[in-house]
Amino acid sequence: VAGGEAALVDAKAQLSDREAAIEALEKESAACTDVIVKREAELEAAKSEAGRLEALLAGATAAMAEMTGEVADGKAALDDARAQLSDALQTLERERAEGREQMGAVDATNGALAAARGEIQEVNEEILSANKKIEE
């Protein structure tokens, strides 16, 4: 009986050790569960932030595409304005050349008029001279 009691005491001690080990494992399991819950919450927050950042990136990409389009439109408008300016400068240069030609024609006409006035003056002087001779 004494051997049976010793075995019983030993079995109770082992049972107590196992219960203590189970309690320790349960505490460790609870701590792990807390860590897992905390990590899952952090993961959800990170997913939410990633979604927000993706939305910002999509918005920025759309804005950049819009600006790229506006830049292209602005460049096209600038190129068009340059072409118009070039055409206007060519027209101005052509009109200047025509003006110079007209000024040359005016100068030639003025020269011809001056020559004609000179001839008229000579004729007038001849008439005056003839009139003086007639009067004498």
N, C-alpha and C. Protein backbone atom coordinates (compact mmCIF):
# COMPACT_ATOMS: atom_id res chain seq x y z
N VAL A 1 0.85 -1.19 0.00
CA VAL A 1 0.00 0.00 0.00
C VAL A 1 0.89 1.23 0.00
N ALA A 2 2.00 1.11 0.77
CA ALA A 2 2.89 2.26 0.83
C ALA A 2 3.41 2.57 -0.54
N GLY A 3 3.71 1.54 -1.32
CA GLY A 3 4.21 1.75 -2.69
C GLY A 3 3.15 2.39 -3.55
N GLY A 4 1.89 2.02 -3.33
CA GLY A 4 0.78 2.58 -4.10
C GLY A 4 0.59 4.04 -3.76
N GLU A 5 0.77 4.36 -2.42
CA GLU A 5 0.61 5.75 -2.00
C GLU A 5 1.72 6.60 -2.59
N ALA A 6 2.93 6.05 -2.61
CA ALA A 6 4.06 6.79 -3.18
C ALA A 6 3.82 7.02 -4.65
N ALA A 7 3.28 6.02 -5.34
CA ALA A 7 3.00 6.16 -6.76
C ALA A 7 1.92 7.21 -6.96
N LEU A 8 0.93 7.21 -6.06
CA LEU A 8 -0.15 8.20 -6.15
C LEU A 8 0.38 9.59 -5.93
N VAL A 9 1.22 9.76 -4.92
CA VAL A 9 1.82 11.07 -4.64
C VAL A 9 2.64 11.51 -5.85
N ASP A 10 3.40 10.55 -6.40
CA ASP A 10 4.23 10.86 -7.57
C ASP A 10 3.33 11.25 -8.74
N ALA A 11 2.23 10.52 -8.95
CA ALA A 11 1.32 10.81 -10.06
C ALA A 11 0.69 12.18 -9.86
N LYS A 12 0.32 12.53 -8.61
CA LYS A 12 -0.27 13.84 -8.31
C LYS A 12 0.74 14.94 -8.61
N ALA A 13 2.01 14.70 -8.26
CA ALA A 13 3.07 15.68 -8.52
C ALA A 13 3.24 15.88 -10.02
N GLN A 14 3.23 14.75 -10.75
CA GLN A 14 3.35 14.86 -12.21
C GLN A 14 2.15 15.60 -12.80
N LEU A 15 0.95 15.28 -12.26
CA LEU A 15 -0.26 15.94 -12.71
C LEU A 15 -0.18 17.43 -12.43
N SER A 16 0.31 17.79 -11.25
CA SER A 16 0.45 19.20 -10.88
C SER A 16 1.45 19.88 -11.80
N ASP A 17 2.58 19.19 -12.11
CA ASP A 17 3.57 19.75 -13.03
C ASP A 17 2.98 19.95 -14.42
N ARG A 18 2.19 18.96 -14.85
CA ARG A 18 1.58 19.07 -16.17
C ARG A 18 0.55 20.20 -16.21
N GLU A 19 -0.22 20.34 -15.11
CA GLU A 19 -1.20 21.42 -15.06
C GLU A 19 -0.49 22.77 -15.09
N ALA A 20 0.64 22.87 -14.39
CA ALA A 20 1.42 24.11 -14.40
C ALA A 20 1.96 24.37 -15.80
N ALA A 21 2.42 23.29 -16.47
CA ALA A 21 2.94 23.44 -17.84
C ALA A 21 1.82 23.85 -18.77
N ILE A 22 0.63 23.27 -18.58
CA ILE A 22 -0.52 23.64 -19.42
C ILE A 22 -0.89 25.09 -19.19
N GLU A 23 -0.90 25.52 -17.92
CA GLU A 23 -1.21 26.93 -17.62
C GLU A 23 -0.19 27.85 -18.27
N ALA A 24 1.09 27.45 -18.20
CA ALA A 24 2.15 28.27 -18.83
C ALA A 24 1.93 28.34 -20.34
N LEU A 25 1.58 27.18 -20.93
CA LEU A 25 1.32 27.15 -22.38
C LEU A 25 0.09 27.99 -22.73
N GLU A 26 -0.94 27.92 -21.87
CA GLU A 26 -2.14 28.71 -22.11
C GLU A 26 -1.83 30.21 -22.04
N LYS A 27 -0.99 30.59 -21.05
CA LYS A 27 -0.58 32.00 -20.94
C LYS A 27 0.22 32.41 -22.17
N GLU A 28 1.14 31.54 -22.61
CA GLU A 28 1.96 31.83 -23.79
C GLU A 28 1.08 31.91 -25.04
N SER A 29 0.09 30.99 -25.09
CA SER A 29 -0.84 30.99 -26.22
C SER A 29 -1.66 32.27 -26.23
N ALA A 30 -2.11 32.71 -25.05
CA ALA A 30 -2.89 33.96 -24.95
C ALA A 30 -2.02 35.14 -25.38
N ALA A 31 -0.75 35.14 -24.95
CA ALA A 31 0.17 36.23 -25.34
C ALA A 31 0.38 36.21 -26.85
N CYS A 32 0.54 35.01 -27.41
CA CYS A 32 0.70 34.89 -28.87
C CYS A 32 -0.56 35.36 -29.59
N THR A 33 -1.71 34.99 -29.06
CA THR A 33 -2.98 35.42 -29.66
C THR A 33 -3.07 36.95 -29.63
N ASP A 34 -2.67 37.57 -28.51
CA ASP A 34 -2.68 39.03 -28.42
C ASP A 34 -1.76 39.65 -29.48
N VAL A 35 -0.57 39.05 -29.63
CA VAL A 35 0.38 39.54 -30.62
C VAL A 35 -0.21 39.40 -32.02
N ILE A 36 -0.86 38.24 -32.28
CA ILE A 36 -1.45 38.00 -33.60
C ILE A 36 -2.56 39.01 -33.86
N VAL A 37 -3.43 39.24 -32.85
CA VAL A 37 -4.52 40.21 -33.01
C VAL A 37 -3.95 41.60 -33.28
N LYS A 38 -2.91 41.94 -32.54
CA LYS A 38 -2.28 43.25 -32.72
C LYS A 38 -1.67 43.37 -34.12
N ARG A 39 -0.99 42.31 -34.57
CA ARG A 39 -0.37 42.31 -35.90
C ARG A 39 -1.44 42.39 -37.00
N GLU A 40 -2.57 41.68 -36.79
CA GLU A 40 -3.66 41.74 -37.76
C GLU A 40 -4.23 43.16 -37.85
N ALA A 41 -4.36 43.82 -36.69
CA ALA A 41 -4.85 45.21 -36.69
C ALA A 41 -3.86 46.11 -37.42
N GLU A 42 -2.56 45.90 -37.18
CA GLU A 42 -1.53 46.69 -37.88
C GLU A 42 -1.58 46.42 -39.38
N LEU A 43 -1.80 45.15 -39.75
CA LEU A 43 -1.89 44.78 -41.15
C LEU A 43 -3.09 45.47 -41.81
N GLU A 44 -4.21 45.48 -41.14
CA GLU A 44 -5.41 46.15 -41.67
C GLU A 44 -5.15 47.65 -41.83
N ALA A 45 -4.49 48.25 -40.85
CA ALA A 45 -4.16 49.67 -40.94
C ALA A 45 -3.21 49.91 -42.12
N ALA A 46 -2.24 49.01 -42.30
CA ALA A 46 -1.30 49.14 -43.41
C ALA A 46 -2.02 48.98 -44.74
N LYS A 47 -2.98 48.03 -44.81
CA LYS A 47 -3.75 47.86 -46.05
C LYS A 47 -4.56 49.11 -46.35
N SER A 48 -5.15 49.68 -45.31
CA SER A 48 -5.93 50.91 -45.48
C SER A 48 -5.05 52.04 -45.99
N GLU A 49 -3.87 52.18 -45.40
CA GLU A 49 -2.92 53.22 -45.82
C GLU A 49 -2.45 52.97 -47.26
N ALA A 50 -2.22 51.70 -47.59
CA ALA A 50 -1.82 51.36 -48.95
C ALA A 50 -2.92 51.73 -49.94
N GLY A 51 -4.15 51.47 -49.57
CA GLY A 51 -5.29 51.86 -50.43
C GLY A 51 -5.35 53.36 -50.62
N ARG A 52 -5.14 54.10 -49.52
CA ARG A 52 -5.16 55.56 -49.60
C ARG A 52 -4.03 56.06 -50.50
N LEU A 53 -2.85 55.46 -50.34
CA LEU A 53 -1.70 55.86 -51.16
C LEU A 53 -1.91 55.51 -52.63
N GLU A 54 -2.53 54.35 -52.87
CA GLU A 54 -2.84 53.97 -54.26
C GLU A 54 -3.80 54.97 -54.88
N ALA A 55 -4.79 55.41 -54.11
CA ALA A 55 -5.74 56.40 -54.62
C ALA A 55 -5.03 57.72 -54.91
N LEU A 56 -4.13 58.13 -54.00
CA LEU A 56 -3.36 59.35 -54.24
C LEU A 56 -2.49 59.22 -55.49
N LEU A 57 -1.87 58.06 -55.64
CA LEU A 57 -1.03 57.81 -56.81
C LEU A 57 -1.86 57.85 -58.09
N ALA A 58 -3.03 57.25 -58.04
CA ALA A 58 -3.90 57.27 -59.22
C ALA A 58 -4.30 58.70 -59.55
N GLY A 59 -4.63 59.48 -58.52
CA GLY A 59 -4.98 60.89 -58.74
C GLY A 59 -3.81 61.68 -59.30
N ALA A 60 -2.62 61.43 -58.73
CA ALA A 60 -1.43 62.14 -59.22
C ALA A 60 -1.12 61.74 -60.66
N THR A 61 -1.30 60.46 -60.96
CA THR A 61 -1.04 59.98 -62.33
C THR A 61 -2.02 60.63 -63.29
N ALA A 62 -3.28 60.71 -62.90
CA ALA A 62 -4.28 61.36 -63.75
C ALA A 62 -3.97 62.83 -63.93
N ALA A 63 -3.58 63.50 -62.85
CA ALA A 63 -3.22 64.92 -62.94
C ALA A 63 -2.01 65.10 -63.84
N MET A 64 -1.04 64.21 -63.70
CA MET A 64 0.15 64.29 -64.53
C MET A 64 -0.20 64.08 -66.01
N ALA A 65 -1.09 63.13 -66.28
CA ALA A 65 -1.51 62.88 -67.66
C ALA A 65 -2.23 64.11 -68.20
N GLU A 66 -3.07 64.71 -67.36
CA GLU A 66 -3.78 65.93 -67.77
C GLU A 66 -2.79 67.05 -68.06
N MET A 67 -1.82 67.22 -67.15
CA MET A 67 -0.82 68.27 -67.36
C MET A 67 0.01 68.00 -68.62
N THR A 68 0.32 66.72 -68.85
CA THR A 68 1.08 66.36 -70.04
C THR A 68 0.27 66.75 -71.28
N GLY A 69 -1.02 66.49 -71.24
CA GLY A 69 -1.90 66.90 -72.34
C GLY A 69 -1.94 68.40 -72.51
N GLU A 70 -2.01 69.12 -71.37
CA GLU A 70 -2.04 70.58 -71.42
C GLU A 70 -0.71 71.12 -71.96
N VAL A 71 0.38 70.49 -71.55
CA VAL A 71 1.70 70.91 -72.07
C VAL A 71 1.76 70.68 -73.57
N ALA A 72 1.26 69.53 -74.02
CA ALA A 72 1.25 69.23 -75.45
C ALA A 72 0.38 70.25 -76.19
N ASP A 73 -0.79 70.57 -75.60
CA ASP A 73 -1.66 71.57 -76.22
C ASP A 73 -0.97 72.93 -76.26
N GLY A 74 -0.31 73.28 -75.16
CA GLY A 74 0.41 74.55 -75.10
C GLY A 74 1.54 74.60 -76.12
N LYS A 75 2.24 73.48 -76.27
CA LYS A 75 3.33 73.42 -77.25
C LYS A 75 2.78 73.56 -78.65
N ALA A 76 1.67 72.89 -78.92
CA ALA A 76 1.04 73.01 -80.24
C ALA A 76 0.61 74.45 -80.50
N ALA A 77 0.03 75.09 -79.48
CA ALA A 77 -0.39 76.49 -79.63
C ALA A 77 0.83 77.39 -79.86
N LEU A 78 1.90 77.12 -79.14
CA LEU A 78 3.13 77.89 -79.31
C LEU A 78 3.70 77.69 -80.71
N ASP A 79 3.72 76.44 -81.18
CA ASP A 79 4.20 76.17 -82.53
C ASP A 79 3.34 76.89 -83.56
N ASP A 80 2.02 76.89 -83.35
CA ASP A 80 1.11 77.59 -84.25
C ASP A 80 1.38 79.09 -84.23
N ALA A 81 1.58 79.63 -83.03
CA ALA A 81 1.87 81.06 -82.91
C ALA A 81 3.19 81.41 -83.60
N ARG A 82 4.19 80.53 -83.47
CA ARG A 82 5.47 80.75 -84.15
C ARG A 82 5.29 80.76 -85.66
N ALA A 83 4.48 79.81 -86.15
CA ALA A 83 4.24 79.75 -87.59
C ALA A 83 3.53 81.02 -88.06
N GLN A 84 2.55 81.50 -87.28
CA GLN A 84 1.84 82.72 -87.63
C GLN A 84 2.80 83.91 -87.61
N LEU A 85 3.67 83.96 -86.61
CA LEU A 85 4.64 85.05 -86.52
C LEU A 85 5.59 85.01 -87.71
N SER A 86 6.03 83.81 -88.08
CA SER A 86 6.91 83.67 -89.24
C SER A 86 6.21 84.16 -90.50
N ASP A 87 4.94 83.77 -90.66
CA ASP A 87 4.17 84.23 -91.82
C ASP A 87 4.03 85.75 -91.81
N ALA A 88 3.75 86.31 -90.63
CA ALA A 88 3.60 87.76 -90.51
C ALA A 88 4.91 88.47 -90.84
N LEU A 89 6.03 87.92 -90.38
CA LEU A 89 7.34 88.51 -90.68
C LEU A 89 7.65 88.44 -92.16
N GLN A 90 7.31 87.34 -92.80
CA GLN A 90 7.52 87.21 -94.25
C GLN A 90 6.66 88.22 -95.00
N THR A 91 5.42 88.37 -94.55
CA THR A 91 4.52 89.35 -95.18
C THR A 91 5.08 90.75 -95.00
N LEU A 92 5.54 91.06 -93.80
CA LEU A 92 6.11 92.38 -93.53
C LEU A 92 7.34 92.63 -94.41
N GLU A 93 8.19 91.64 -94.53
CA GLU A 93 9.40 91.77 -95.36
C GLU A 93 9.00 91.99 -96.82
N ARG A 94 8.00 91.25 -97.29
CA ARG A 94 7.52 91.41 -98.67
C ARG A 94 6.95 92.82 -98.86
N GLU A 95 6.17 93.28 -97.88
CA GLU A 95 5.58 94.62 -97.97
C GLU A 95 6.67 95.70 -97.92
N ARG A 96 7.71 95.48 -97.14
CA ARG A 96 8.84 96.43 -97.11
C ARG A 96 9.51 96.51 -98.48
N ALA A 97 9.73 95.32 -99.07
CA ALA A 97 10.35 95.30 -100.40
C ALA A 97 9.47 96.04 -101.41
N GLU A 98 8.16 95.80 -101.33
CA GLU A 98 7.24 96.50 -102.23
C GLU A 98 7.28 98.00 -101.97
N GLY A 99 7.36 98.37 -100.69
CA GLY A 99 7.44 99.79 -100.32
C GLY A 99 8.71 100.42 -100.87
N ARG A 100 9.83 99.68 -100.79
CA ARG A 100 11.10 100.20 -101.35
C ARG A 100 10.98 100.39 -102.86
N GLU A 101 10.32 99.41 -103.51
CA GLU A 101 10.12 99.55 -104.95
C GLU A 101 9.27 100.77 -105.25
N GLN A 102 8.20 100.96 -104.47
CA GLN A 102 7.34 102.12 -104.68
C GLN A 102 8.09 103.42 -104.40
N MET A 103 8.94 103.41 -103.37
CA MET A 103 9.74 104.61 -103.08
C MET A 103 10.69 104.89 -104.24
N GLY A 104 11.25 103.83 -104.82
CA GLY A 104 12.11 104.00 -106.00
C GLY A 104 11.34 104.61 -107.14
N ALA A 105 10.10 104.14 -107.34
CA ALA A 105 9.26 104.69 -108.40
C ALA A 105 8.91 106.15 -108.11
N VAL A 106 8.62 106.45 -106.82
CA VAL A 106 8.32 107.84 -106.43
C VAL A 106 9.54 108.72 -106.66
N ASP A 107 10.72 108.21 -106.27
CA ASP A 107 11.95 108.97 -106.49
C ASP A 107 12.16 109.22 -107.98
N ALA A 108 11.93 108.19 -108.80
CA ALA A 108 12.08 108.37 -110.25
C ALA A 108 11.08 109.39 -110.77
N THR A 109 9.85 109.32 -110.26
CA THR A 109 8.82 110.28 -110.67
C THR A 109 9.21 111.68 -110.23
N ASN A 110 9.71 111.81 -108.99
CA ASN A 110 10.14 113.11 -108.49
C ASN A 110 11.29 113.66 -109.34
N GLY A 111 12.20 112.76 -109.73
CA GLY A 111 13.30 113.18 -110.60
C GLY A 111 12.79 113.67 -111.93
N ALA A 112 11.83 112.91 -112.49
CA ALA A 112 11.24 113.31 -113.77
C ALA A 112 10.51 114.64 -113.62
N LEU A 113 9.81 114.83 -112.51
CA LEU A 113 9.10 116.11 -112.27
C LEU A 113 10.11 117.24 -112.14
N ALA A 114 11.21 117.01 -111.44
CA ALA A 114 12.23 118.05 -111.28
C ALA A 114 12.82 118.41 -112.64
N ALA A 115 13.06 117.39 -113.47
CA ALA A 115 13.59 117.65 -114.81
C ALA A 115 12.59 118.44 -115.63
N ALA A 116 11.31 118.05 -115.52
CA ALA A 116 10.26 118.77 -116.26
C ALA A 116 10.15 120.21 -115.76
N ARG A 117 10.26 120.42 -114.46
CA ARG A 117 10.22 121.79 -113.92
C ARG A 117 11.41 122.60 -114.45
N GLY A 118 12.56 121.89 -114.49
CA GLY A 118 13.73 122.58 -115.04
C GLY A 118 13.49 122.99 -116.49
N GLU A 119 12.91 122.12 -117.29
CA GLU A 119 12.62 122.44 -118.69
C GLU A 119 11.60 123.56 -118.77
N ILE A 120 10.56 123.47 -117.88
CA ILE A 120 9.54 124.53 -117.86
C ILE A 120 10.20 125.86 -117.50
N GLN A 121 11.10 125.83 -116.55
CA GLN A 121 11.80 127.04 -116.13
C GLN A 121 12.59 127.62 -117.31
N GLU A 122 13.27 126.74 -118.04
CA GLU A 122 14.04 127.20 -119.20
C GLU A 122 13.12 127.82 -120.24
N VAL A 123 11.97 127.15 -120.49
CA VAL A 123 11.00 127.68 -121.46
C VAL A 123 10.49 129.01 -120.96
N ASN A 124 10.18 129.13 -119.66
CA ASN A 124 9.68 130.39 -119.10
C ASN A 124 10.73 131.49 -119.27
N GLU A 125 11.98 131.13 -119.01
CA GLU A 125 13.04 132.12 -119.17
C GLU A 125 13.17 132.54 -120.63
N GLU A 126 13.03 131.58 -121.55
CA GLU A 126 13.08 131.91 -122.97
C GLU A 126 11.92 132.83 -123.34
N ILE A 127 10.74 132.54 -122.77
CA ILE A 127 9.55 133.38 -123.05
C ILE A 127 9.78 134.78 -122.51
N LEU A 128 10.29 134.85 -121.29
CA LEU A 128 10.56 136.17 -120.69
C LEU A 128 11.59 136.94 -121.53
N SER A 129 12.59 136.20 -121.97
CA SER A 129 13.62 136.84 -122.79
C SER A 129 13.02 137.31 -124.11
N ALA A 130 12.17 136.48 -124.68
CA ALA A 130 11.52 136.87 -125.93
C ALA A 130 10.61 138.05 -125.71
N ASN A 131 9.89 138.07 -124.60
CA ASN A 131 9.01 139.19 -124.27
C ASN A 131 9.79 140.49 -124.12
N LYS A 132 10.98 140.40 -123.52
CA LYS A 132 11.82 141.56 -123.33
C LYS A 132 12.29 142.07 -124.69
N LYS A 133 12.64 141.14 -125.56
CA LYS A 133 13.09 141.53 -126.89
C LYS A 133 11.96 142.18 -127.66
N ILE A 134 10.76 141.68 -127.47
CA ILE A 134 9.60 142.26 -128.16
C ILE A 134 9.34 143.64 -127.61
N GLU A 135 9.44 143.82 -126.36
CA GLU A 135 9.20 145.10 -125.73
C GLU A 135 10.27 146.11 -126.13
N GLU A 136 11.44 145.68 -126.43
CA GLU A 136 12.52 146.59 -126.79
C GLU A 136 12.34 146.94 -128.21
